[in-house]
Amino acid sequence: MHLGKDNADAERGRHGRSRRGLKVRVLAGGAVAAAALASVGTFALADTSGGEKPGTAAAEAKQRPAPSKTARYQKQLLVLVNAERAKAGCRPLRLDRRVQAAAQAHAKDMAARDYYDHTSPEGKSAGDRMRKAGYRAGAWGENIHKGPKGPKTAMRDWMRSSGHRANILNCAYKDFGAGVGLKAGGPWWVQNFATEL
């Protein structure tokens, strides 16, 4: 099934063997405002703490940098996937840092080397990438997509494709990771689904 001008792919594997599935091919921070008033050699500085006491959770939250666009997109994909799974009666997926590392590495690699495939030019599958990240998958699935500018559009396209939807709604999967390669000509999107041995 063709997804308009953008293509997407779904792949599933079991026990480390890949199997082709249906193809549908800051500077973050706070502004530090200090107002200095000069009058006869004296200066006064404005309090920029917002009234929060140093060392409190509220004060520390104000000092944390905003999450990157990639991190926001990854989180949004997990929320969107779990919303669809809830409608189908599946348990929510858990974010697994190893599965996410594999997905992000693949998204970045596709963007950097300008290719679009489940299998890297070196022949590595999603199962291989998860294993390299330290995750021993008993079963896994992968969705990829290229082009949509936001997670909602990518998710909408995946849900319109039976192969992708099957990965998203496979109640046997327990763990999840998403990757986004933000580069001109993309973004490249990756969803990895897995159950550990």
C-alpha atoms as a PDB file:
ATOM      1  CA  MET A   1       0.000   0.000   0.000  1.00  0.00           C
ATOM      2  CA  HIS A   2       1.419   3.382  -0.959  1.00  0.00           C
ATOM      3  CA  LEU A   3       1.133   6.105   1.674  1.00  0.00           C
ATOM      4  CA  GLY A   4       0.862   9.151  -0.570  1.00  0.00           C
ATOM      5  CA  LYS A   5       4.144  10.834  -1.378  1.00  0.00           C
ATOM      6  CA  ASP A   6       5.792   9.349   1.723  1.00  0.00           C
ATOM      7  CA  ASN A   7       6.678   5.689   2.068  1.00  0.00           C
ATOM      8  CA  ALA A   8       6.687   3.580   5.208  1.00  0.00           C
ATOM      9  CA  ASP A   9       7.740   0.046   6.020  1.00  0.00           C
ATOM     10  CA  ALA A  10       6.891  -2.605   8.577  1.00  0.00           C
ATOM     11  CA  GLU A  11       9.037  -5.563   9.515  1.00  0.00           C
ATOM     12  CA  ARG A  12       8.711  -8.317  12.069  1.00  0.00           C
ATOM     13  CA  GLY A  13      11.218 -10.824  13.396  1.00  0.00           C
ATOM     14  CA  ARG A  14      11.273 -13.708  15.831  1.00  0.00           C
ATOM     15  CA  HIS A  15      14.264 -15.176  17.673  1.00  0.00           C
ATOM     16  CA  GLY A  16      16.761 -12.906  15.939  1.00  0.00           C
ATOM     17  CA  ARG A  17      15.746 -13.899  12.417  1.00  0.00           C
ATOM     18  CA  SER A  18      14.446 -11.082  10.288  1.00  0.00           C
ATOM     19  CA  ARG A  19      11.403 -11.591   8.145  1.00  0.00           C
ATOM     20  CA  ARG A  20      10.109  -9.131   5.594  1.00  0.00           C
ATOM     21  CA  GLY A  21       6.595  -8.038   6.445  1.00  0.00           C
ATOM     22  CA  LEU A  22       4.080  -6.082   4.439  1.00  0.00           C
ATOM     23  CA  LYS A  23       5.828  -3.268   2.583  1.00  0.00           C
ATOM     24  CA  VAL A  24       4.150   0.028   2.055  1.00  0.00           C
ATOM     25  CA  ARG A  25       7.203   1.538   1.599  1.00  0.00           C
ATOM     26  CA  VAL A  26      18.954  25.920  22.529  1.00  0.00           C
ATOM     27  CA  LEU A  27      20.460  26.791  23.655  1.00  0.00           C
ATOM     28  CA  ALA A  28      17.729  25.727  25.990  1.00  0.00           C
ATOM     29  CA  GLY A  29      17.445  27.529  28.996  1.00  0.00           C
ATOM     30  CA  GLY A  30      16.260  30.194  31.083  1.00  0.00           C
ATOM     31  CA  ALA A  31      16.603  33.784  30.438  1.00  0.00           C
ATOM     32  CA  VAL A  32      18.607  35.287  33.178  1.00  0.00           C
ATOM     33  CA  ALA A  33      17.249  38.716  33.755  1.00  0.00           C
ATOM     34  CA  ALA A  34      19.278  41.047  35.861  1.00  0.00           C
ATOM     35  CA  ALA A  35      18.352  44.664  36.072  1.00  0.00           C
ATOM     36  CA  ALA A  36      20.985  47.022  37.290  1.00  0.00           C
ATOM     37  CA  LEU A  37      20.105  50.438  38.502  1.00  0.00           C
ATOM     38  CA  ALA A  38      22.918  52.896  38.770  1.00  0.00           C
ATOM     39  CA  SER A  39      22.542  55.848  41.017  1.00  0.00           C
ATOM     40  CA  VAL A  40      25.447  57.509  42.671  1.00  0.00           C
ATOM     41  CA  GLY A  41      27.644  54.423  42.420  1.00  0.00           C
ATOM     42  CA  THR A  42      25.141  51.851  43.781  1.00  0.00           C
ATOM     43  CA  PHE A  43      23.670  48.878  41.925  1.00  0.00           C
ATOM     44  CA  ALA A  44      20.649  46.713  42.638  1.00  0.00           C
ATOM     45  CA  LEU A  45      20.065  43.302  41.061  1.00  0.00           C
ATOM     46  CA  ALA A  46      16.615  41.889  40.445  1.00  0.00           C
ATOM     47  CA  ASP A  47      15.741  38.526  42.018  1.00  0.00           C
ATOM     48  CA  THR A  48      15.450  36.042  39.125  1.00  0.00           C
ATOM     49  CA  SER A  49      14.591  32.978  41.203  1.00  0.00           C
ATOM     50  CA  GLY A  50      10.866  33.462  40.735  1.00  0.00           C
ATOM     51  CA  GLY A  51      10.433  33.278  44.477  1.00  0.00           C
ATOM     52  CA  GLU A  52      11.562  29.638  44.628  1.00  0.00           C
ATOM     53  CA  LYS A  53      13.998  28.600  47.334  1.00  0.00           C
ATOM     54  CA  PRO A  54      17.255  27.157  45.965  1.00  0.00           C
ATOM     55  CA  GLY A  55      17.455  23.366  46.225  1.00  0.00           C
ATOM     56  CA  THR A  56      13.694  22.795  46.029  1.00  0.00           C
ATOM     57  CA  ALA A  57      12.116  20.681  43.290  1.00  0.00           C
ATOM     58  CA  ALA A  58      10.401  23.758  41.852  1.00  0.00           C
ATOM     59  CA  ALA A  59      13.676  25.696  41.652  1.00  0.00           C
ATOM     60  CA  GLU A  60      15.500  22.729  40.095  1.00  0.00           C
ATOM     61  CA  ALA A  61      12.731  22.243  37.511  1.00  0.00           C
ATOM     62  CA  LYS A  62      13.185  25.823  36.357  1.00  0.00           C
ATOM     63  CA  GLN A  63      16.903  25.193  35.833  1.00  0.00           C
ATOM     64  CA  ARG A  64      16.511  22.003  33.745  1.00  0.00           C
ATOM     65  CA  PRO A  65      17.043  22.474  30.029  1.00  0.00           C
ATOM     66  CA  ALA A  66      14.049  21.904  27.798  1.00  0.00           C
ATOM     67  CA  PRO A  67      13.994  18.432  26.215  1.00  0.00           C
ATOM     68  CA  SER A  68      15.305  18.226  22.665  1.00  0.00           C
ATOM     69  CA  LYS A  69      12.926  17.998  19.726  1.00  0.00           C
ATOM     70  CA  THR A  70      13.996  14.373  19.246  1.00  0.00           C
ATOM     71  CA  ALA A  71      13.230  13.528  22.892  1.00  0.00           C
ATOM     72  CA  ARG A  72       9.826  15.227  22.662  1.00  0.00           C
ATOM     73  CA  TYR A  73       8.966  13.318  19.488  1.00  0.00           C
ATOM     74  CA  GLN A  74      10.081  10.006  21.020  1.00  0.00           C
ATOM     75  CA  LYS A  75       7.889  10.582  24.067  1.00  0.00           C
ATOM     76  CA  GLN A  76       4.924  11.626  21.896  1.00  0.00           C
ATOM     77  CA  LEU A  77       5.239   8.449  19.818  1.00  0.00           C
ATOM     78  CA  LEU A  78       5.062   6.274  22.942  1.00  0.00           C
ATOM     79  CA  VAL A  79       1.954   8.148  24.129  1.00  0.00           C
ATOM     80  CA  LEU A  80       0.302   7.783  20.701  1.00  0.00           C
ATOM     81  CA  VAL A  81       1.172   4.076  20.446  1.00  0.00           C
ATOM     82  CA  ASN A  82      -0.178   3.354  23.922  1.00  0.00           C
ATOM     83  CA  ALA A  83      -3.407   5.248  23.168  1.00  0.00           C
ATOM     84  CA  GLU A  84      -4.002   3.003  20.138  1.00  0.00           C
ATOM     85  CA  ARG A  85      -3.117  -0.108  22.134  1.00  0.00           C
ATOM     86  CA  ALA A  86      -5.568   0.867  24.881  1.00  0.00           C
ATOM     87  CA  LYS A  87      -8.370   1.095  22.306  1.00  0.00           C
ATOM     88  CA  ALA A  88      -7.514  -2.465  21.208  1.00  0.00           C
ATOM     89  CA  GLY A  89      -7.367  -3.816  24.765  1.00  0.00           C
ATOM     90  CA  CYS A  90      -3.559  -4.215  24.859  1.00  0.00           C
ATOM     91  CA  ARG A  91      -1.405  -3.311  27.833  1.00  0.00           C
ATOM     92  CA  PRO A  92       0.741  -0.199  27.403  1.00  0.00           C
ATOM     93  CA  LEU A  93       4.281  -0.623  26.169  1.00  0.00           C
ATOM     94  CA  ARG A  94       7.178   0.326  28.441  1.00  0.00           C
ATOM     95  CA  LEU A  95       9.974   2.538  27.222  1.00  0.00           C
ATOM     96  CA  ASP A  96      13.156   0.487  27.189  1.00  0.00           C
ATOM     97  CA  ARG A  97      16.327   2.566  26.849  1.00  0.00           C
ATOM     98  CA  ARG A  98      18.117  -0.214  24.932  1.00  0.00           C
ATOM     99  CA  VAL A  99      15.280  -0.610  22.427  1.00  0.00           C
ATOM    100  CA  GLN A 100      15.156   3.179  22.093  1.00  0.00           C
ATOM    101  CA  ALA A 101      18.927   3.362  21.564  1.00  0.00           C
ATOM    102  CA  ALA A 102      18.616   0.836  18.713  1.00  0.00           C
ATOM    103  CA  ALA A 103      15.741   2.784  17.118  1.00  0.00           C
ATOM    104  CA  GLN A 104      17.518   6.131  17.442  1.00  0.00           C
ATOM    105  CA  ALA A 105      20.769   4.736  16.044  1.00  0.00           C
ATOM    106  CA  HIS A 106      18.903   3.423  12.982  1.00  0.00           C
ATOM    107  CA  ALA A 107      17.019   6.701  12.423  1.00  0.00           C
ATOM    108  CA  LYS A 108      20.255   8.704  12.670  1.00  0.00           C
ATOM    109  CA  ASP A 109      22.088   6.266  10.395  1.00  0.00           C
ATOM    110  CA  MET A 110      19.385   6.432   7.708  1.00  0.00           C
ATOM    111  CA  ALA A 111      19.410  10.243   7.889  1.00  0.00           C
ATOM    112  CA  ALA A 112      23.213  10.498   7.842  1.00  0.00           C
ATOM    113  CA  ARG A 113      23.693   8.085   4.938  1.00  0.00           C
ATOM    114  CA  ASP A 114      20.446   8.959   3.149  1.00  0.00           C
ATOM    115  CA  TYR A 115      18.917   5.506   2.837  1.00  0.00           C
ATOM    116  CA  TYR A 116      15.510   4.135   3.801  1.00  0.00           C
ATOM    117  CA  ASP A 117      15.331   0.470   4.729  1.00  0.00           C
ATOM    118  CA  HIS A 118      14.915  -1.850   7.702  1.00  0.00           C
ATOM    119  CA  THR A 119      18.264  -3.390   6.872  1.00  0.00           C
ATOM    120  CA  SER A 120      21.406  -1.268   7.068  1.00  0.00           C
ATOM    121  CA  PRO A 121      23.839  -1.278   4.133  1.00  0.00           C
ATOM    122  CA  GLU A 122      25.908  -3.719   6.241  1.00  0.00           C
ATOM    123  CA  GLY A 123      22.954  -6.127   6.461  1.00  0.00           C
ATOM    124  CA  LYS A 124      21.976  -5.412  10.095  1.00  0.00           C
ATOM    125  CA  SER A 125      18.309  -5.764  11.113  1.00  0.00           C
ATOM    126  CA  ALA A 126      16.374  -4.227  13.999  1.00  0.00           C
ATOM    127  CA  GLY A 127      16.997  -7.447  15.960  1.00  0.00           C
ATOM    128  CA  ASP A 128      20.742  -7.057  15.381  1.00  0.00           C
ATOM    129  CA  ARG A 129      20.620  -3.420  16.489  1.00  0.00           C
ATOM    130  CA  MET A 130      18.684  -4.283  19.671  1.00  0.00           C
ATOM    131  CA  ARG A 131      21.139  -7.084  20.477  1.00  0.00           C
ATOM    132  CA  LYS A 132      24.052  -4.649  20.004  1.00  0.00           C
ATOM    133  CA  ALA A 133      22.325  -2.295  22.480  1.00  0.00           C
ATOM    134  CA  GLY A 134      22.167  -5.143  25.033  1.00  0.00           C
ATOM    135  CA  TYR A 135      18.545  -6.235  24.523  1.00  0.00           C
ATOM    136  CA  ARG A 136      17.899  -9.930  23.796  1.00  0.00           C
ATOM    137  CA  ALA A 137      14.632  -9.912  21.876  1.00  0.00           C
ATOM    138  CA  GLY A 138      12.550 -13.065  21.710  1.00  0.00           C
ATOM    139  CA  ALA A 139      10.232 -11.306  19.270  1.00  0.00           C
ATOM    140  CA  TRP A 140      10.439  -7.877  17.691  1.00  0.00           C
ATOM    141  CA  GLY A 141       8.833  -5.602  15.133  1.00  0.00           C
ATOM    142  CA  GLU A 142       9.886  -2.386  13.458  1.00  0.00           C
ATOM    143  CA  ASN A 143       8.036   0.399  11.674  1.00  0.00           C
ATOM    144  CA  ILE A 144       9.900   2.997   9.650  1.00  0.00           C
ATOM    145  CA  HIS A 145       8.649   6.070   7.846  1.00  0.00           C
ATOM    146  CA  LYS A 146      10.224   8.994   6.044  1.00  0.00           C
ATOM    147  CA  GLY A 147       8.839  12.450   5.550  1.00  0.00           C
ATOM    148  CA  PRO A 148       6.094  13.328   8.041  1.00  0.00           C
ATOM    149  CA  LYS A 149       6.971  16.486   9.917  1.00  0.00           C
ATOM    150  CA  GLY A 150       5.412  15.411  13.215  1.00  0.00           C
ATOM    151  CA  PRO A 151       4.658  12.283  15.259  1.00  0.00           C
ATOM    152  CA  LYS A 152       0.871  12.541  14.848  1.00  0.00           C
ATOM    153  CA  THR A 153       1.141  12.408  11.054  1.00  0.00           C
ATOM    154  CA  ALA A 154       3.609   9.507  11.157  1.00  0.00           C
ATOM    155  CA  MET A 155       1.330   7.631  13.552  1.00  0.00           C
ATOM    156  CA  ARG A 156      -1.743   8.314  11.412  1.00  0.00           C
ATOM    157  CA  ASP A 157       0.038   6.868   8.373  1.00  0.00           C
ATOM    158  CA  TRP A 158       1.203   3.778  10.273  1.00  0.00           C
ATOM    159  CA  MET A 159      -2.322   3.123  11.579  1.00  0.00           C
ATOM    160  CA  ARG A 160      -3.655   3.255   7.993  1.00  0.00           C
ATOM    161  CA  SER A 161      -1.323   0.431   6.954  1.00  0.00           C
ATOM    162  CA  SER A 162      -2.187  -3.112   8.038  1.00  0.00           C
ATOM    163  CA  GLY A 163       1.447  -4.196   8.529  1.00  0.00           C
ATOM    164  CA  HIS A 164       2.335  -1.208  10.680  1.00  0.00           C
ATOM    165  CA  ARG A 165      -0.913  -1.368  12.613  1.00  0.00           C
ATOM    166  CA  ALA A 166      -0.237  -5.069  13.321  1.00  0.00           C
ATOM    167  CA  ASN A 167       3.093  -4.154  14.952  1.00  0.00           C
ATOM    168  CA  ILE A 168       1.522  -1.347  16.997  1.00  0.00           C
ATOM    169  CA  LEU A 169      -1.403  -3.498  18.161  1.00  0.00           C
ATOM    170  CA  ASN A 170       0.529  -6.718  18.810  1.00  0.00           C
ATOM    171  CA  CYS A 171      -0.386  -7.313  22.462  1.00  0.00           C
ATOM    172  CA  ALA A 172       2.561  -9.720  22.882  1.00  0.00           C
ATOM    173  CA  TYR A 173       5.075  -6.862  22.711  1.00  0.00           C
ATOM    174  CA  LYS A 174       6.108  -5.367  26.046  1.00  0.00           C
ATOM    175  CA  ASP A 175       8.880  -2.868  25.264  1.00  0.00           C
ATOM    176  CA  PHE A 176       9.177   0.123  22.947  1.00  0.00           C
ATOM    177  CA  GLY A 177      11.710   2.545  21.597  1.00  0.00           C
ATOM    178  CA  ALA A 178      11.427   5.306  19.012  1.00  0.00           C
ATOM    179  CA  GLY A 179      14.002   7.066  16.911  1.00  0.00           C
ATOM    180  CA  VAL A 180      13.851  10.244  14.860  1.00  0.00           C
ATOM    181  CA  GLY A 181      16.511  11.362  12.389  1.00  0.00           C
ATOM    182  CA  LEU A 182      16.031  15.095  11.936  1.00  0.00           C
ATOM    183  CA  LYS A 183      17.750  16.140   8.735  1.00  0.00           C
ATOM    184  CA  ALA A 184      16.777  17.758   5.445  1.00  0.00           C
ATOM    185  CA  GLY A 185      14.954  15.239   3.287  1.00  0.00           C
ATOM    186  CA  GLY A 186      13.371  13.604   6.348  1.00  0.00           C
ATOM    187  CA  PRO A 187      12.632  13.197   9.126  1.00  0.00           C
ATOM    188  CA  TRP A 188      13.297   9.467   9.339  1.00  0.00           C
ATOM    189  CA  TRP A 189      11.035   7.773  11.908  1.00  0.00           C
ATOM    190  CA  VAL A 190      11.609   4.406  13.590  1.00  0.00           C
ATOM    191  CA  GLN A 191       9.414   2.495  16.033  1.00  0.00           C
ATOM    192  CA  ASN A 192      10.828  -0.671  17.618  1.00  0.00           C
ATOM    193  CA  PHE A 193       8.595  -3.128  19.469  1.00  0.00           C
ATOM    194  CA  ALA A 194       9.997  -6.087  21.393  1.00  0.00           C
ATOM    195  CA  THR A 195       9.649  -8.709  24.073  1.00  0.00           C
ATOM    196  CA  GLU A 196      12.835  -9.754  25.849  1.00  0.00           C
ATOM    197  CA  LEU A 197      13.879 -13.396  26.243  1.00  0.00           C
END
